[in-house]
Amino acid sequence: MEKFVLAITRTCGSGGTTIGSMLAKEYQIGLYDRQLMSLASEDSGISEALFASADESVKNTLLYKVSKKVYNGELIPPESGNFTSDNNLFNYQAKILKEMARTDSYVVIGRAADFILQDDPNMISIFLHADKEASVRHIMEEKDLTEKQAEKYRKKMDRYRSQYYKYHTGKVWRCPDNYDLCLDTEKLGYEDCVKLIMEYVAMRIK
């Protein structure tokens, strides 16, 4: 089979990271999410702590609510005062994703990877979601939270992911037109989601 990339976008509590891990194990390929920060840090020379700090701090700012900076592949040079800006940190993570896609198959969670890699014919974009009740149950178990806390966390994360996606892509996060597959993980279950995705990959990648 040719190399390919599975770009998974997921709503909070839908089990997207678990399904991504299951797929990576089945294919024996890499799984990337926050690990991209370490790779981007090595490539750019920017401290990994800055990547992590930016990743967390923007969740509590108005950055993604009031503006838009659609990714176009550019990198800000080190001599610029914006070298360590949130935009450039995103750009370096995007650079890593593109470089890896030239040589390796992998699974990536979030990071607007479906948009970054949209010109790669062997990139398969997947949107995973689940209803409110199932998502809250999953978050309660995973985070050891009360139902009220889990619901608040779900809303916060989905709002952030939606704004992050809009800011960097100019597109609507939940729009099915953005993805090759949209699956309800509660209705199918994790194992059947994995089977269906693998069947689709086999049909697409020949």
Protein backbone atom coordinates (compact mmCIF):
# COMPACT_ATOMS: atom_id res chain seq x y z
CA MET A 1 0.00 0.00 0.00
CA GLU A 2 1.16 3.53 -0.76
CA LYS A 3 1.90 5.95 2.04
CA PHE A 4 -1.07 7.90 3.38
CA VAL A 5 -2.09 10.28 6.13
CA LEU A 6 -5.20 10.00 8.28
CA ALA A 7 -6.15 13.49 9.47
CA ILE A 8 -8.63 13.14 12.31
CA THR A 9 -10.76 16.04 13.49
CA ARG A 10 -12.94 15.30 16.49
CA THR A 11 -15.45 16.81 18.86
CA CYS A 12 -14.60 16.68 22.55
CA GLY A 13 -15.58 13.37 24.13
CA SER A 14 -16.09 11.53 20.84
CA GLY A 15 -13.08 9.27 21.38
CA GLY A 16 -11.10 10.62 18.46
CA THR A 17 -7.73 10.22 20.13
CA THR A 18 -8.55 6.64 21.13
CA ILE A 19 -9.65 5.77 17.61
CA GLY A 20 -6.55 7.44 16.21
CA SER A 21 -4.38 5.33 18.52
CA MET A 22 -6.19 2.17 17.44
CA LEU A 23 -5.63 3.01 13.77
CA ALA A 24 -1.95 3.78 14.31
CA LYS A 25 -1.54 0.43 16.07
CA GLU A 26 -3.36 -1.45 13.30
CA TYR A 27 -1.20 0.10 10.60
CA GLN A 28 1.94 0.24 12.77
CA ILE A 29 2.48 3.90 11.90
CA GLY A 30 3.10 7.06 13.91
CA LEU A 31 0.45 9.01 15.80
CA TYR A 32 0.91 12.76 16.19
CA ASP A 33 -0.90 15.36 18.27
CA ARG A 34 0.98 17.34 20.88
CA GLN A 35 4.16 15.48 19.82
CA LEU A 36 4.29 17.91 16.90
CA MET A 37 5.42 20.58 19.33
CA SER A 38 8.63 18.71 20.04
CA LEU A 39 9.33 18.14 16.33
CA ALA A 40 8.53 21.74 15.44
CA SER A 41 10.75 22.93 18.28
CA GLU A 42 13.70 20.94 16.93
CA ASP A 43 13.11 22.25 13.41
CA SER A 44 12.65 25.91 14.30
CA GLY A 45 14.92 26.30 17.30
CA ILE A 46 11.98 27.76 19.21
CA SER A 47 11.64 26.42 22.75
CA GLU A 48 9.11 23.62 23.07
CA ALA A 49 7.83 25.42 26.16
CA LEU A 50 6.76 28.31 23.92
CA PHE A 51 4.77 25.95 21.70
CA ALA A 52 3.06 24.45 24.74
CA SER A 53 2.44 27.87 26.26
CA ALA A 54 0.90 29.21 23.06
CA ASP A 55 -1.23 26.10 22.68
CA GLU A 56 -2.77 26.63 26.11
CA SER A 57 -2.87 30.41 26.37
CA VAL A 58 -4.83 31.01 23.18
CA LYS A 59 -7.72 29.01 24.60
CA ASN A 60 -8.28 31.85 27.05
CA THR A 61 -7.88 34.78 24.66
CA LEU A 62 -9.96 36.49 22.00
CA LEU A 63 -7.41 35.72 19.27
CA TYR A 64 -9.53 33.24 17.35
CA LYS A 65 -12.79 35.02 18.03
CA VAL A 66 -12.02 38.40 16.53
CA SER A 67 -9.60 37.73 13.68
CA LYS A 68 -8.55 35.31 10.96
CA LYS A 69 -5.14 34.33 9.56
CA VAL A 70 -5.66 31.59 7.01
CA TYR A 71 -2.57 29.39 6.68
CA ASN A 72 -0.75 29.83 3.35
CA GLY A 73 2.49 27.96 3.97
CA GLU A 74 4.68 30.92 4.81
CA LEU A 75 7.28 30.90 7.59
CA ILE A 76 8.29 34.02 9.51
CA PRO A 77 12.11 34.41 9.55
CA PRO A 78 14.08 34.40 12.85
CA GLU A 79 15.05 38.07 12.48
CA SER A 80 11.39 39.07 12.60
CA GLY A 81 9.79 40.23 15.83
CA ASN A 82 6.93 37.82 15.09
CA PHE A 83 9.15 34.75 14.86
CA THR A 84 7.65 33.23 18.02
CA SER A 85 4.10 34.42 17.35
CA ASP A 86 1.18 31.99 17.60
CA ASN A 87 0.87 32.08 13.81
CA ASN A 88 4.48 31.09 13.23
CA LEU A 89 4.27 28.31 15.81
CA PHE A 90 1.32 26.94 13.82
CA ASN A 91 3.28 27.37 10.58
CA TYR A 92 6.19 25.29 11.84
CA GLN A 93 3.88 22.48 12.94
CA ALA A 94 2.35 22.61 9.45
CA LYS A 95 5.83 22.42 7.90
CA ILE A 96 6.57 19.24 9.87
CA LEU A 97 3.29 17.64 8.78
CA LYS A 98 4.04 18.34 5.12
CA GLU A 99 7.59 17.04 5.32
CA MET A 100 6.54 13.82 7.04
CA ALA A 101 3.75 13.24 4.50
CA ARG A 102 6.37 13.06 1.73
CA THR A 103 8.04 10.00 3.23
CA ASP A 104 5.81 8.37 5.86
CA SER A 105 2.32 7.23 6.63
CA TYR A 106 0.90 8.54 9.90
CA VAL A 107 -2.20 9.52 11.88
CA VAL A 108 -2.56 13.11 13.07
CA ILE A 109 -5.13 14.37 15.55
CA GLY A 110 -6.48 17.90 15.06
CA ARG A 111 -4.07 20.75 14.18
CA ALA A 112 -6.19 21.59 11.09
CA ALA A 113 -4.15 18.91 9.31
CA ASP A 114 -6.90 18.23 6.78
CA PHE A 115 -6.49 21.82 5.50
CA ILE A 116 -2.71 21.86 5.69
CA LEU A 117 -2.45 18.64 3.66
CA GLN A 118 -5.38 19.26 1.32
CA ASP A 119 -3.17 19.04 -1.77
CA ASP A 120 -1.91 15.56 -0.84
CA PRO A 121 -4.01 13.02 -2.80
CA ASN A 122 -3.33 10.37 -0.15
CA MET A 123 -4.55 12.43 2.78
CA ILE A 124 -7.84 11.13 4.14
CA SER A 125 -9.78 13.53 6.34
CA ILE A 126 -12.10 12.18 9.02
CA PHE A 127 -14.52 14.00 11.30
CA LEU A 128 -15.55 12.08 14.44
CA HIS A 129 -18.42 13.18 16.63
CA ALA A 130 -20.83 11.88 19.24
CA ASP A 131 -23.98 13.18 20.89
CA LYS A 132 -23.90 15.28 24.05
CA GLU A 133 -24.75 12.49 26.49
CA ALA A 134 -22.15 10.06 25.16
CA SER A 135 -19.49 12.77 25.02
CA VAL A 136 -20.14 13.89 28.59
CA ARG A 137 -19.97 10.30 29.85
CA HIS A 138 -16.64 9.78 28.11
CA ILE A 139 -15.19 13.01 29.53
CA MET A 140 -16.41 12.17 33.05
CA GLU A 141 -14.60 8.83 32.90
CA GLU A 142 -11.44 10.13 31.25
CA LYS A 143 -11.03 13.31 33.32
CA ASP A 144 -12.69 12.12 36.56
CA LEU A 145 -15.13 15.05 36.44
CA THR A 146 -18.71 15.54 37.56
CA GLU A 147 -21.41 15.69 34.90
CA LYS A 148 -21.63 19.48 35.22
CA GLN A 149 -17.85 19.88 34.99
CA ALA A 150 -17.67 17.55 31.99
CA GLU A 151 -20.37 19.45 30.13
CA LYS A 152 -18.59 22.75 30.77
CA TYR A 153 -15.29 21.25 29.57
CA ARG A 154 -16.95 19.84 26.43
CA LYS A 155 -18.43 23.20 25.48
CA LYS A 156 -15.16 25.04 26.10
CA MET A 157 -13.06 22.64 24.04
CA ASP A 158 -15.49 22.43 21.12
CA ARG A 159 -15.76 26.21 21.03
CA TYR A 160 -11.96 26.55 21.03
CA ARG A 161 -11.50 23.93 18.31
CA SER A 162 -14.14 25.56 16.14
CA GLN A 163 -12.54 29.01 16.49
CA TYR A 164 -9.01 27.62 15.97
CA TYR A 165 -10.11 25.89 12.76
CA LYS A 166 -11.90 28.97 11.44
CA TYR A 167 -8.92 31.20 12.22
CA HIS A 168 -6.34 29.04 10.43
CA THR A 169 -8.46 27.70 7.54
CA GLY A 170 -11.27 30.19 7.00
CA LYS A 171 -13.68 27.25 7.03
CA VAL A 172 -16.42 25.97 9.33
CA TRP A 173 -15.15 23.19 11.60
CA ARG A 174 -18.29 21.04 11.58
CA CYS A 175 -19.05 21.38 7.85
CA PRO A 176 -19.12 17.89 6.26
CA ASP A 177 -17.81 19.31 2.99
CA ASN A 178 -14.37 19.56 4.63
CA TYR A 179 -14.02 15.83 5.24
CA ASP A 180 -13.94 12.52 3.38
CA LEU A 181 -15.71 10.67 6.21
CA CYS A 182 -17.97 11.87 9.04
CA LEU A 183 -18.71 9.20 11.65
CA ASP A 184 -20.85 9.09 14.78
CA THR A 185 -18.65 7.17 17.21
CA GLU A 186 -21.51 6.51 19.64
CA LYS A 187 -23.69 4.82 17.02
CA LEU A 188 -20.91 2.74 15.50
CA GLY A 189 -18.62 2.14 18.47
CA TYR A 190 -14.85 2.60 18.34
CA GLU A 191 -13.96 -0.78 16.85
CA ASP A 192 -16.45 -0.49 13.98
CA CYS A 193 -15.27 3.06 13.29
CA VAL A 194 -11.74 1.71 12.94
CA LYS A 195 -12.92 -1.09 10.63
CA LEU A 196 -14.90 1.31 8.45
CA ILE A 197 -12.02 3.76 8.18
CA MET A 198 -9.62 0.98 7.23
CA GLU A 199 -12.02 -0.28 4.57
CA TYR A 200 -12.23 3.22 3.15
CA VAL A 201 -8.43 3.57 3.17
CA ALA A 202 -8.12 0.29 1.26
CA MET A 203 -10.52 1.57 -1.41
CA ARG A 204 -8.80 4.95 -1.69
CA ILE A 205 -5.15 3.93 -1.53
CA LYS A 206 -4.31 1.39 -4.22
